[in-house]
Amino acid sequence: MFHVAYCIDKNYQQHFGASITSLLLNFSGDATNLSIHVVTDHADPDFRAKLDLLNSLFKARIELHFVRPEDIQSMASFKAKSAPHVTTAAYFRLLLSSILPETVKKVLYLDADTIVLSDLAEMLRIDLAGAAVAGVPDYSAKDMTERHQIKQYINTGVMLLDLDQWRQKDYGVRCMTFASQNQEKLYFGDQCTINLLFQDSLNLLHSKWNFYVTPFQQSKPSENIAILHFITGDKPWHSWYENEVAKLYWRYLDVSPWTGAVPVAPTTLDKAHRLARLLHRQNKSADAISVYEQMLASLNRLSSTTPQA
């Protein structure tokens, strides 16, 4: 049995929907051997209904698991100094060894802002060779290894975890304790926690298993890329997102139970300006002008409410 886990809160249900749909559509093996664990703090009837629909369409097993309120309360104070978009839900993955059944020996963890482009059976068969964690070197690995004075620094958005080893060595509790006592070191939240605690039990994976996509990046993923990961605070569901690779997110979302969603509108002048420039590059001049007119109207309103000296 292959095991995959996602950790999400209510705000990421739609994006999880795109990711899990891409995973299921590209899995070419016997889907009855695939178990997907959804770890969350919230599951309303609509979300459960969408999971039921996925269950009816695919043969994989989808299971819901809930984080205990006391654990959420403990995580509430954990921050990510250099990544304000990282939420408390990111820390849920530190508890996978205790939340998932003991029958789950190894699990592939995926962030909800990933899109799977090929069959992951090969990745799920990777031998961890005694390591507790395996992942791809992070986008900021050079800077973070120097800052923390460590040898390697992985991105924790895609990881293989030896849960048996996590349980035997009580790594979940140790991670929580470390995060609580070393918050000044948590530049990228739980990612720094895992990298600092697992230096001696960390394996590196090929970059095809976690290909980073940023808004301004121009290079397109090659054919061998298996997983796209939309890093940074700007995401493909934002209307101002400049990278054309975002269309892959919408392609899978539109064939998921979450179909019909629309891009998030800008809430600041900077984001509105980026949207207008994007529309202009797409030869949507009328739409770009409309955004600029809204920006000017907003500036006029701001000017009229600013006290004069």
C-alpha atoms as a PDB file:
ATOM      1  CA  MET A   1       0.000   0.000   0.000  1.00  0.00           C
ATOM      2  CA  PHE A   2       1.291   3.473  -0.955  1.00  0.00           C
ATOM      3  CA  HIS A   3       0.526   6.360   1.417  1.00  0.00           C
ATOM      4  CA  VAL A   4       0.319  10.084   0.587  1.00  0.00           C
ATOM      5  CA  ALA A   5      -0.539  12.841   3.063  1.00  0.00           C
ATOM      6  CA  TYR A   6      -1.748  16.432   2.768  1.00  0.00           C
ATOM      7  CA  CYS A   7      -2.039  18.905   5.646  1.00  0.00           C
ATOM      8  CA  ILE A   8      -4.488  21.756   5.056  1.00  0.00           C
ATOM      9  CA  ASP A   9      -6.788  24.262   6.682  1.00  0.00           C
ATOM     10  CA  LYS A  10     -10.092  25.574   5.339  1.00  0.00           C
ATOM     11  CA  ASN A  11      -8.414  28.226   3.177  1.00  0.00           C
ATOM     12  CA  TYR A  12      -6.494  25.631   1.184  1.00  0.00           C
ATOM     13  CA  GLN A  13      -9.292  23.146   0.446  1.00  0.00           C
ATOM     14  CA  GLN A  14      -9.711  24.327  -3.154  1.00  0.00           C
ATOM     15  CA  HIS A  15      -5.990  24.174  -3.878  1.00  0.00           C
ATOM     16  CA  PHE A  16      -5.727  20.748  -2.298  1.00  0.00           C
ATOM     17  CA  GLY A  17      -8.528  19.798  -4.695  1.00  0.00           C
ATOM     18  CA  ALA A  18      -6.400  20.689  -7.713  1.00  0.00           C
ATOM     19  CA  SER A  19      -3.382  18.848  -6.295  1.00  0.00           C
ATOM     20  CA  ILE A  20      -5.128  15.618  -5.318  1.00  0.00           C
ATOM     21  CA  THR A  21      -6.945  15.525  -8.671  1.00  0.00           C
ATOM     22  CA  SER A  22      -3.612  15.824 -10.492  1.00  0.00           C
ATOM     23  CA  LEU A  23      -2.196  13.040  -8.317  1.00  0.00           C
ATOM     24  CA  LEU A  24      -5.116  10.700  -8.981  1.00  0.00           C
ATOM     25  CA  LEU A  25      -5.340  11.365 -12.720  1.00  0.00           C
ATOM     26  CA  ASN A  26      -1.636  10.666 -13.234  1.00  0.00           C
ATOM     27  CA  PHE A  27      -1.400   7.564 -11.057  1.00  0.00           C
ATOM     28  CA  SER A  28      -1.119   4.685 -13.522  1.00  0.00           C
ATOM     29  CA  GLY A  29      -0.838   1.814 -11.054  1.00  0.00           C
ATOM     30  CA  ASP A  30      -3.571  -0.001  -9.185  1.00  0.00           C
ATOM     31  CA  ALA A  31      -5.304   2.846  -7.355  1.00  0.00           C
ATOM     32  CA  THR A  32      -6.685   0.433  -4.764  1.00  0.00           C
ATOM     33  CA  ASN A  33      -3.098   0.343  -3.462  1.00  0.00           C
ATOM     34  CA  LEU A  34      -3.092   4.119  -2.945  1.00  0.00           C
ATOM     35  CA  SER A  35      -4.213   5.648   0.347  1.00  0.00           C
ATOM     36  CA  ILE A  36      -4.431   9.439   0.633  1.00  0.00           C
ATOM     37  CA  HIS A  37      -4.561  10.961   4.115  1.00  0.00           C
ATOM     38  CA  VAL A  38      -6.021  14.444   4.552  1.00  0.00           C
ATOM     39  CA  VAL A  39      -4.975  16.042   7.836  1.00  0.00           C
ATOM     40  CA  THR A  40      -6.978  19.125   8.740  1.00  0.00           C
ATOM     41  CA  ASP A  41      -8.691  21.122  11.464  1.00  0.00           C
ATOM     42  CA  HIS A  42     -11.911  21.666   9.519  1.00  0.00           C
ATOM     43  CA  ALA A  43     -14.144  19.572   7.260  1.00  0.00           C
ATOM     44  CA  ASP A  44     -17.625  20.921   6.580  1.00  0.00           C
ATOM     45  CA  PRO A  45     -20.312  18.903   4.728  1.00  0.00           C
ATOM     46  CA  ASP A  46     -19.388  20.467   1.371  1.00  0.00           C
ATOM     47  CA  PHE A  47     -15.740  19.442   1.703  1.00  0.00           C
ATOM     48  CA  ARG A  48     -16.729  15.925   2.744  1.00  0.00           C
ATOM     49  CA  ALA A  49     -19.095  15.694  -0.223  1.00  0.00           C
ATOM     50  CA  LYS A  50     -16.274  16.638  -2.601  1.00  0.00           C
ATOM     51  CA  LEU A  51     -14.033  13.950  -1.088  1.00  0.00           C
ATOM     52  CA  ASP A  52     -16.867  11.451  -1.500  1.00  0.00           C
ATOM     53  CA  LEU A  53     -17.119  12.424  -5.161  1.00  0.00           C
ATOM     54  CA  LEU A  54     -13.396  11.811  -5.640  1.00  0.00           C
ATOM     55  CA  ASN A  55     -13.824   8.443  -3.933  1.00  0.00           C
ATOM     56  CA  SER A  56     -16.592   7.535  -6.344  1.00  0.00           C
ATOM     57  CA  LEU A  57     -14.518   8.556  -9.378  1.00  0.00           C
ATOM     58  CA  PHE A  58     -11.260   6.877  -8.357  1.00  0.00           C
ATOM     59  CA  LYS A  59     -10.419   3.657  -6.575  1.00  0.00           C
ATOM     60  CA  ALA A  60      -7.928   5.195  -4.175  1.00  0.00           C
ATOM     61  CA  ARG A  61      -8.793   5.392  -0.492  1.00  0.00           C
ATOM     62  CA  ILE A  62      -9.147   8.950   0.884  1.00  0.00           C
ATOM     63  CA  GLU A  63      -9.155   9.313   4.675  1.00  0.00           C
ATOM     64  CA  LEU A  64      -9.774  12.329   6.892  1.00  0.00           C
ATOM     65  CA  HIS A  65      -7.716  12.911  10.051  1.00  0.00           C
ATOM     66  CA  PHE A  66      -8.119  15.768  12.513  1.00  0.00           C
ATOM     67  CA  VAL A  67      -5.509  17.671  14.500  1.00  0.00           C
ATOM     68  CA  ARG A  68      -6.305  17.920  18.191  1.00  0.00           C
ATOM     69  CA  PRO A  69      -7.384  21.399  19.393  1.00  0.00           C
ATOM     70  CA  GLU A  70      -4.655  21.399  22.055  1.00  0.00           C
ATOM     71  CA  ASP A  71      -2.007  20.786  19.374  1.00  0.00           C
ATOM     72  CA  ILE A  72      -3.381  23.622  17.246  1.00  0.00           C
ATOM     73  CA  GLN A  73      -3.249  25.897  20.283  1.00  0.00           C
ATOM     74  CA  SER A  74       0.390  24.945  20.855  1.00  0.00           C
ATOM     75  CA  MET A  75       1.251  25.742  17.236  1.00  0.00           C
ATOM     76  CA  ALA A  76      -0.571  29.073  17.164  1.00  0.00           C
ATOM     77  CA  SER A  77       2.472  30.959  18.453  1.00  0.00           C
ATOM     78  CA  PHE A  78       4.865  29.406  15.898  1.00  0.00           C
ATOM     79  CA  LYS A  79       5.796  31.863  13.154  1.00  0.00           C
ATOM     80  CA  ALA A  80       7.925  31.888  10.001  1.00  0.00           C
ATOM     81  CA  LYS A  81      10.124  35.002  10.147  1.00  0.00           C
ATOM     82  CA  SER A  82      10.867  35.153   6.407  1.00  0.00           C
ATOM     83  CA  ALA A  83       7.623  33.664   5.080  1.00  0.00           C
ATOM     84  CA  PRO A  84       4.513  35.412   6.448  1.00  0.00           C
ATOM     85  CA  HIS A  85       2.280  33.349   4.137  1.00  0.00           C
ATOM     86  CA  VAL A  86       3.148  30.172   6.095  1.00  0.00           C
ATOM     87  CA  THR A  87       0.203  29.322   8.346  1.00  0.00           C
ATOM     88  CA  THR A  88      -0.283  27.145  11.413  1.00  0.00           C
ATOM     89  CA  ALA A  89      -1.410  24.307   9.139  1.00  0.00           C
ATOM     90  CA  ALA A  90       2.177  23.963   7.891  1.00  0.00           C
ATOM     91  CA  TYR A  91       3.084  22.598  11.313  1.00  0.00           C
ATOM     92  CA  PHE A  92       0.479  19.816  11.086  1.00  0.00           C
ATOM     93  CA  ARG A  93       3.011  17.690   9.190  1.00  0.00           C
ATOM     94  CA  LEU A  94       5.205  17.539  12.284  1.00  0.00           C
ATOM     95  CA  LEU A  95       2.498  15.361  13.833  1.00  0.00           C
ATOM     96  CA  LEU A  96       1.965  12.877  10.998  1.00  0.00           C
ATOM     97  CA  SER A  97       3.644  10.052  12.929  1.00  0.00           C
ATOM     98  CA  SER A  98       1.106  10.364  15.731  1.00  0.00           C
ATOM     99  CA  ILE A  99      -1.964  11.277  13.667  1.00  0.00           C
ATOM    100  CA  LEU A 100      -1.691   8.547  11.018  1.00  0.00           C
ATOM    101  CA  PRO A 101      -2.286   4.906  12.000  1.00  0.00           C
ATOM    102  CA  GLU A 102       0.766   2.879  13.033  1.00  0.00           C
ATOM    103  CA  THR A 103       0.136   0.655  10.005  1.00  0.00           C
ATOM    104  CA  VAL A 104       1.426   3.585   7.891  1.00  0.00           C
ATOM    105  CA  LYS A 105       5.181   2.957   7.891  1.00  0.00           C
ATOM    106  CA  LYS A 106       6.239   5.434   5.197  1.00  0.00           C
ATOM    107  CA  VAL A 107       4.395   8.388   3.703  1.00  0.00           C
ATOM    108  CA  LEU A 108       4.864  10.907   0.917  1.00  0.00           C
ATOM    109  CA  TYR A 109       3.891  14.351   2.160  1.00  0.00           C
ATOM    110  CA  LEU A 110       2.682  16.926  -0.416  1.00  0.00           C
ATOM    111  CA  ASP A 111       1.885  20.593   0.081  1.00  0.00           C
ATOM    112  CA  ALA A 112      -1.497  21.654  -1.288  1.00  0.00           C
ATOM    113  CA  ASP A 113       0.186  24.130  -3.651  1.00  0.00           C
ATOM    114  CA  THR A 114       1.712  21.310  -5.696  1.00  0.00           C
ATOM    115  CA  ILE A 115       0.565  19.889  -9.025  1.00  0.00           C
ATOM    116  CA  VAL A 116       1.508  16.330  -9.952  1.00  0.00           C
ATOM    117  CA  LEU A 117       2.440  15.854 -13.600  1.00  0.00           C
ATOM    118  CA  SER A 118       3.334  12.151 -13.744  1.00  0.00           C
ATOM    119  CA  ASP A 119       2.899   8.825 -11.994  1.00  0.00           C
ATOM    120  CA  LEU A 120       4.335   8.959  -8.459  1.00  0.00           C
ATOM    121  CA  ALA A 121       4.625   5.186  -8.022  1.00  0.00           C
ATOM    122  CA  GLU A 122       8.374   5.430  -8.707  1.00  0.00           C
ATOM    123  CA  MET A 123       8.813   8.034  -5.992  1.00  0.00           C
ATOM    124  CA  LEU A 124       6.732   6.076  -3.508  1.00  0.00           C
ATOM    125  CA  ARG A 125       9.089   3.128  -3.963  1.00  0.00           C
ATOM    126  CA  ILE A 126      12.243   5.130  -3.154  1.00  0.00           C
ATOM    127  CA  ASP A 127      14.281   3.526  -0.377  1.00  0.00           C
ATOM    128  CA  LEU A 128      15.085   6.020   2.371  1.00  0.00           C
ATOM    129  CA  ALA A 129      18.223   3.995   3.196  1.00  0.00           C
ATOM    130  CA  GLY A 130      17.882   4.529   6.930  1.00  0.00           C
ATOM    131  CA  ALA A 131      17.062   8.247   6.780  1.00  0.00           C
ATOM    132  CA  ALA A 132      14.005   9.615   8.568  1.00  0.00           C
ATOM    133  CA  VAL A 133      13.371  12.356   5.977  1.00  0.00           C
ATOM    134  CA  ALA A 134      14.095  12.799   2.268  1.00  0.00           C
ATOM    135  CA  GLY A 135      13.509  15.891   0.159  1.00  0.00           C
ATOM    136  CA  VAL A 136      14.826  18.197  -2.562  1.00  0.00           C
ATOM    137  CA  PRO A 137      17.323  20.987  -1.726  1.00  0.00           C
ATOM    138  CA  ASP A 138      15.373  24.185  -1.124  1.00  0.00           C
ATOM    139  CA  TYR A 139      15.277  27.217  -3.413  1.00  0.00           C
ATOM    140  CA  SER A 140      17.133  29.097  -0.662  1.00  0.00           C
ATOM    141  CA  ALA A 141      19.452  26.233   0.341  1.00  0.00           C
ATOM    142  CA  LYS A 142      22.697  28.163  -0.139  1.00  0.00           C
ATOM    143  CA  ASP A 143      21.591  31.044   2.058  1.00  0.00           C
ATOM    144  CA  MET A 144      19.996  28.846   4.723  1.00  0.00           C
ATOM    145  CA  THR A 145      22.914  26.426   5.070  1.00  0.00           C
ATOM    146  CA  GLU A 146      25.190  29.413   5.675  1.00  0.00           C
ATOM    147  CA  ARG A 147      22.771  31.063   8.076  1.00  0.00           C
ATOM    148  CA  HIS A 148      22.189  27.934  10.140  1.00  0.00           C
ATOM    149  CA  GLN A 149      25.719  26.571   9.690  1.00  0.00           C
ATOM    150  CA  ILE A 150      24.472  23.216   8.405  1.00  0.00           C
ATOM    151  CA  LYS A 151      25.411  21.033   5.416  1.00  0.00           C
ATOM    152  CA  GLN A 152      22.071  20.682   3.637  1.00  0.00           C
ATOM    153  CA  TYR A 153      18.649  22.310   3.634  1.00  0.00           C
ATOM    154  CA  ILE A 154      15.618  20.766   1.962  1.00  0.00           C
ATOM    155  CA  ASN A 155      12.208  22.082   1.035  1.00  0.00           C
ATOM    156  CA  THR A 156       9.562  20.419   3.223  1.00  0.00           C
ATOM    157  CA  GLY A 157       6.700  20.904   0.763  1.00  0.00           C
ATOM    158  CA  VAL A 158       7.459  17.482  -0.725  1.00  0.00           C
ATOM    159  CA  MET A 159       8.951  14.871   1.609  1.00  0.00           C
ATOM    160  CA  LEU A 160       9.261  11.150   2.090  1.00  0.00           C
ATOM    161  CA  LEU A 161       9.017  10.286   5.794  1.00  0.00           C
ATOM    162  CA  ASP A 162       9.953   7.085   7.611  1.00  0.00           C
ATOM    163  CA  LEU A 163       7.128   7.209  10.158  1.00  0.00           C
ATOM    164  CA  ASP A 164       8.328   4.091  11.983  1.00  0.00           C
ATOM    165  CA  GLN A 165      11.566   5.903  12.784  1.00  0.00           C
ATOM    166  CA  TRP A 166       9.658   9.056  13.739  1.00  0.00           C
ATOM    167  CA  ARG A 167       7.633   7.031  16.234  1.00  0.00           C
ATOM    168  CA  GLN A 168      10.566   5.103  17.650  1.00  0.00           C
ATOM    169  CA  LYS A 169      12.577   8.279  18.278  1.00  0.00           C
ATOM    170  CA  ASP A 170       9.621  10.476  19.244  1.00  0.00           C
ATOM    171  CA  TYR A 171      10.494  12.960  16.504  1.00  0.00           C
ATOM    172  CA  GLY A 172       7.049  14.576  16.493  1.00  0.00           C
ATOM    173  CA  VAL A 173       7.335  15.713  20.118  1.00  0.00           C
ATOM    174  CA  ARG A 174      10.956  16.705  19.576  1.00  0.00           C
ATOM    175  CA  CYS A 175       9.987  18.869  16.588  1.00  0.00           C
ATOM    176  CA  MET A 176       7.233  20.610  18.540  1.00  0.00           C
ATOM    177  CA  THR A 177       9.554  21.255  21.469  1.00  0.00           C
ATOM    178  CA  PHE A 178      12.283  22.591  19.189  1.00  0.00           C
ATOM    179  CA  ALA A 179       9.863  24.941  17.404  1.00  0.00           C
ATOM    180  CA  SER A 180       8.581  26.235  20.725  1.00  0.00           C
ATOM    181  CA  GLN A 181      12.052  26.883  22.152  1.00  0.00           C
ATOM    182  CA  ASN A 182      13.838  28.172  19.033  1.00  0.00           C
ATOM    183  CA  GLN A 183      11.428  30.528  17.322  1.00  0.00           C
ATOM    184  CA  GLU A 184      14.212  32.975  16.485  1.00  0.00           C
ATOM    185  CA  LYS A 185      15.640  30.301  14.153  1.00  0.00           C
ATOM    186  CA  LEU A 186      12.387  29.596  12.295  1.00  0.00           C
ATOM    187  CA  TYR A 187      12.946  31.707   9.182  1.00  0.00           C
ATOM    188  CA  PHE A 188      10.737  29.332   7.188  1.00  0.00           C
ATOM    189  CA  GLY A 189       8.774  27.871  10.061  1.00  0.00           C
ATOM    190  CA  ASP A 190       8.552  24.089  10.335  1.00  0.00           C
ATOM    191  CA  GLN A 191      10.974  23.806   7.405  1.00  0.00           C
ATOM    192  CA  CYS A 192      13.804  25.146   9.557  1.00  0.00           C
ATOM    193  CA  THR A 193      12.693  22.869  12.409  1.00  0.00           C
ATOM    194  CA  ILE A 194      12.977  19.734  10.268  1.00  0.00           C
ATOM    195  CA  ASN A 195      16.262  20.755   8.652  1.00  0.00           C
ATOM    196  CA  LEU A 196      17.928  21.582  11.942  1.00  0.00           C
ATOM    197  CA  LEU A 197      16.751  18.427  13.722  1.00  0.00           C
ATOM    198  CA  PHE A 198      17.355  15.913  10.926  1.00  0.00           C
ATOM    199  CA  GLN A 199      20.800  16.860   9.596  1.00  0.00           C
ATOM    200  CA  ASP A 200      22.097  13.388  10.441  1.00  0.00           C
ATOM    201  CA  SER A 201      19.047  11.581   9.071  1.00  0.00           C
ATOM    202  CA  LEU A 202      18.331  13.456   5.848  1.00  0.00           C
ATOM    203  CA  ASN A 203      18.504  12.159   2.268  1.00  0.00           C
ATOM    204  CA  LEU A 204      18.374  14.273  -0.869  1.00  0.00           C
ATOM    205  CA  LEU A 205      15.983  13.579  -3.750  1.00  0.00           C
ATOM    206  CA  HIS A 206      16.235  14.474  -7.447  1.00  0.00           C
ATOM    207  CA  SER A 207      14.862  17.934  -8.248  1.00  0.00           C
ATOM    208  CA  LYS A 208      12.219  16.444 -10.578  1.00  0.00           C
ATOM    209  CA  TRP A 209      10.260  15.473  -7.470  1.00  0.00           C
ATOM    210  CA  ASN A 210       9.891  19.106  -6.367  1.00  0.00           C
ATOM    211  CA  PHE A 211      10.274  21.649  -9.183  1.00  0.00           C
ATOM    212  CA  TYR A 212       9.928  25.193  -7.859  1.00  0.00           C
ATOM    213  CA  VAL A 213       7.709  27.682  -9.688  1.00  0.00           C
ATOM    214  CA  THR A 214       7.820  31.394  -8.877  1.00  0.00           C
ATOM    215  CA  PRO A 215       5.709  34.239 -10.330  1.00  0.00           C
ATOM    216  CA  PHE A 216       8.438  35.845 -12.434  1.00  0.00           C
ATOM    217  CA  GLN A 217      10.222  32.661 -13.501  1.00  0.00           C
ATOM    218  CA  GLN A 218      10.380  32.331 -17.284  1.00  0.00           C
ATOM    219  CA  SER A 219      11.735  28.793 -17.741  1.00  0.00           C
ATOM    220  CA  LYS A 220       9.144  26.076 -18.287  1.00  0.00           C
ATOM    221  CA  PRO A 221       9.345  22.663 -16.609  1.00  0.00           C
ATOM    222  CA  SER A 222      11.000  19.957 -18.695  1.00  0.00           C
ATOM    223  CA  GLU A 223       9.234  16.732 -19.624  1.00  0.00           C
ATOM    224  CA  ASN A 224      10.800  14.746 -16.782  1.00  0.00           C
ATOM    225  CA  ILE A 225       9.390  16.985 -14.034  1.00  0.00           C
ATOM    226  CA  ALA A 226       7.026  15.011 -11.803  1.00  0.00           C
ATOM    227  CA  ILE A 227       5.821  17.590  -9.264  1.00  0.00           C
ATOM    228  CA  LEU A 228       5.380  21.345  -9.630  1.00  0.00           C
ATOM    229  CA  HIS A 229       5.542  23.369  -6.426  1.00  0.00           C
ATOM    230  CA  PHE A 230       4.255  26.950  -6.456  1.00  0.00           C
ATOM    231  CA  ILE A 231       6.453  28.595  -3.826  1.00  0.00           C
ATOM    232  CA  THR A 232       6.380  32.180  -2.437  1.00  0.00           C
ATOM    233  CA  GLY A 233       3.309  34.019  -1.167  1.00  0.00           C
ATOM    234  CA  ASP A 234       1.977  34.628  -4.685  1.00  0.00           C
ATOM    235  CA  LYS A 235       0.092  31.599  -6.001  1.00  0.00           C
ATOM    236  CA  PRO A 236      -1.399  30.505  -9.351  1.00  0.00           C
ATOM    237  CA  TRP A 237      -4.929  31.204  -8.118  1.00  0.00           C
ATOM    238  CA  HIS A 238      -4.075  34.916  -7.768  1.00  0.00           C
ATOM    239  CA  SER A 239      -5.257  36.970 -10.758  1.00  0.00           C
ATOM    240  CA  TRP A 240      -1.945  38.871 -10.888  1.00  0.00           C
ATOM    241  CA  TYR A 241       0.229  35.711 -11.069  1.00  0.00           C
ATOM    242  CA  GLU A 242       2.573  36.257 -14.032  1.00  0.00           C
ATOM    243  CA  ASN A 243       3.911  32.756 -14.733  1.00  0.00           C
ATOM    244  CA  GLU A 244       2.086  30.886 -17.518  1.00  0.00           C
ATOM    245  CA  VAL A 245       2.697  27.588 -15.692  1.00  0.00           C
ATOM    246  CA  ALA A 246      -0.259  28.652 -13.527  1.00  0.00           C
ATOM    247  CA  LYS A 247      -2.529  27.281 -16.260  1.00  0.00           C
ATOM    248  CA  LEU A 248      -1.669  23.754 -15.068  1.00  0.00           C
ATOM    249  CA  TYR A 249      -3.225  24.539 -11.700  1.00  0.00           C
ATOM    250  CA  TRP A 250      -6.426  25.709 -13.407  1.00  0.00           C
ATOM    251  CA  ARG A 251      -6.420  22.723 -15.774  1.00  0.00           C
ATOM    252  CA  TYR A 252      -6.616  20.256 -12.888  1.00  0.00           C
ATOM    253  CA  LEU A 253      -8.918  22.409 -10.772  1.00  0.00           C
ATOM    254  CA  ASP A 254     -11.408  22.604 -13.627  1.00  0.00           C
ATOM    255  CA  VAL A 255     -11.718  18.804 -13.767  1.00  0.00           C
ATOM    256  CA  SER A 256     -11.963  18.486  -9.988  1.00  0.00           C
ATOM    257  CA  PRO A 257     -15.015  18.764  -7.706  1.00  0.00           C
ATOM    258  CA  TRP A 258     -13.848  22.362  -7.100  1.00  0.00           C
ATOM    259  CA  THR A 259     -14.467  23.421 -10.701  1.00  0.00           C
ATOM    260  CA  GLY A 260     -15.975  26.870 -11.232  1.00  0.00           C
ATOM    261  CA  ALA A 261     -13.605  28.790  -8.961  1.00  0.00           C
ATOM    262  CA  VAL A 262     -12.369  32.186 -10.141  1.00  0.00           C
ATOM    263  CA  PRO A 263      -8.983  33.882  -9.588  1.00  0.00           C
ATOM    264  CA  VAL A 264      -8.518  35.937  -6.441  1.00  0.00           C
ATOM    265  CA  ALA A 265      -8.805  39.681  -7.149  1.00  0.00           C
ATOM    266  CA  PRO A 266      -6.025  42.074  -6.078  1.00  0.00           C
ATOM    267  CA  THR A 267      -6.401  43.849  -2.747  1.00  0.00           C
ATOM    268  CA  THR A 268      -3.479  46.282  -3.014  1.00  0.00           C
ATOM    269  CA  LEU A 269      -2.355  48.794  -5.620  1.00  0.00           C
ATOM    270  CA  ASP A 270       0.846  46.844  -6.237  1.00  0.00           C
ATOM    271  CA  LYS A 271      -1.075  43.663  -7.028  1.00  0.00           C
ATOM    272  CA  ALA A 272      -3.556  45.585  -9.179  1.00  0.00           C
ATOM    273  CA  HIS A 273      -0.651  47.116 -11.106  1.00  0.00           C
ATOM    274  CA  ARG A 274       0.819  43.657 -11.698  1.00  0.00           C
ATOM    275  CA  LEU A 275      -2.567  42.420 -12.924  1.00  0.00           C
ATOM    276  CA  ALA A 276      -2.890  45.353 -15.324  1.00  0.00           C
ATOM    277  CA  ARG A 277       0.582  44.740 -16.758  1.00  0.00           C
ATOM    278  CA  LEU A 278      -0.205  41.034 -17.124  1.00  0.00           C
ATOM    279  CA  LEU A 279      -3.439  41.783 -19.000  1.00  0.00           C
ATOM    280  CA  HIS A 280      -1.580  44.197 -21.264  1.00  0.00           C
ATOM    281  CA  ARG A 281       0.988  41.491 -22.149  1.00  0.00           C
ATOM    282  CA  GLN A 282      -1.911  39.173 -22.929  1.00  0.00           C
ATOM    283  CA  ASN A 283      -3.295  41.757 -25.389  1.00  0.00           C
ATOM    284  CA  LYS A 284      -6.339  42.345 -23.169  1.00  0.00           C
ATOM    285  CA  SER A 285      -6.058  46.114 -23.399  1.00  0.00           C
ATOM    286  CA  ALA A 286      -9.635  46.905 -22.393  1.00  0.00           C
ATOM    287  CA  ASP A 287      -9.341  44.793 -19.245  1.00  0.00           C
ATOM    288  CA  ALA A 288      -5.967  46.377 -18.420  1.00  0.00           C
ATOM    289  CA  ILE A 289      -7.414  49.881 -18.812  1.00  0.00           C
ATOM    290  CA  SER A 290     -10.316  48.920 -16.538  1.00  0.00           C
ATOM    291  CA  VAL A 291      -7.879  47.835 -13.814  1.00  0.00           C
ATOM    292  CA  TYR A 292      -5.890  51.064 -14.189  1.00  0.00           C
ATOM    293  CA  GLU A 293      -9.109  53.102 -13.901  1.00  0.00           C
ATOM    294  CA  GLN A 294      -9.993  51.244 -10.692  1.00  0.00           C
ATOM    295  CA  MET A 295      -6.504  51.988  -9.363  1.00  0.00           C
ATOM    296  CA  LEU A 296      -6.902  55.701 -10.134  1.00  0.00           C
ATOM    297  CA  ALA A 297     -10.332  55.758  -8.486  1.00  0.00           C
ATOM    298  CA  SER A 298      -8.852  54.119  -5.417  1.00  0.00           C
ATOM    299  CA  LEU A 299      -6.029  56.665  -5.293  1.00  0.00           C
ATOM    300  CA  ASN A 300      -8.545  59.521  -5.644  1.00  0.00           C
ATOM    301  CA  ARG A 301     -10.614  58.158  -2.761  1.00  0.00           C
ATOM    302  CA  LEU A 302      -7.464  57.840  -0.652  1.00  0.00           C
ATOM    303  CA  SER A 303      -6.433  61.401  -1.522  1.00  0.00           C
ATOM    304  CA  SER A 304      -9.845  62.839  -0.624  1.00  0.00           C
ATOM    305  CA  THR A 305      -9.817  61.198   2.799  1.00  0.00           C
ATOM    306  CA  THR A 306      -6.237  62.213   3.675  1.00  0.00           C
ATOM    307  CA  PRO A 307      -6.143  65.200   6.043  1.00  0.00           C
ATOM    308  CA  GLN A 308      -4.502  68.265   4.521  1.00  0.00           C
ATOM    309  CA  ALA A 309      -1.593  69.898   6.367  1.00  0.00           C
END
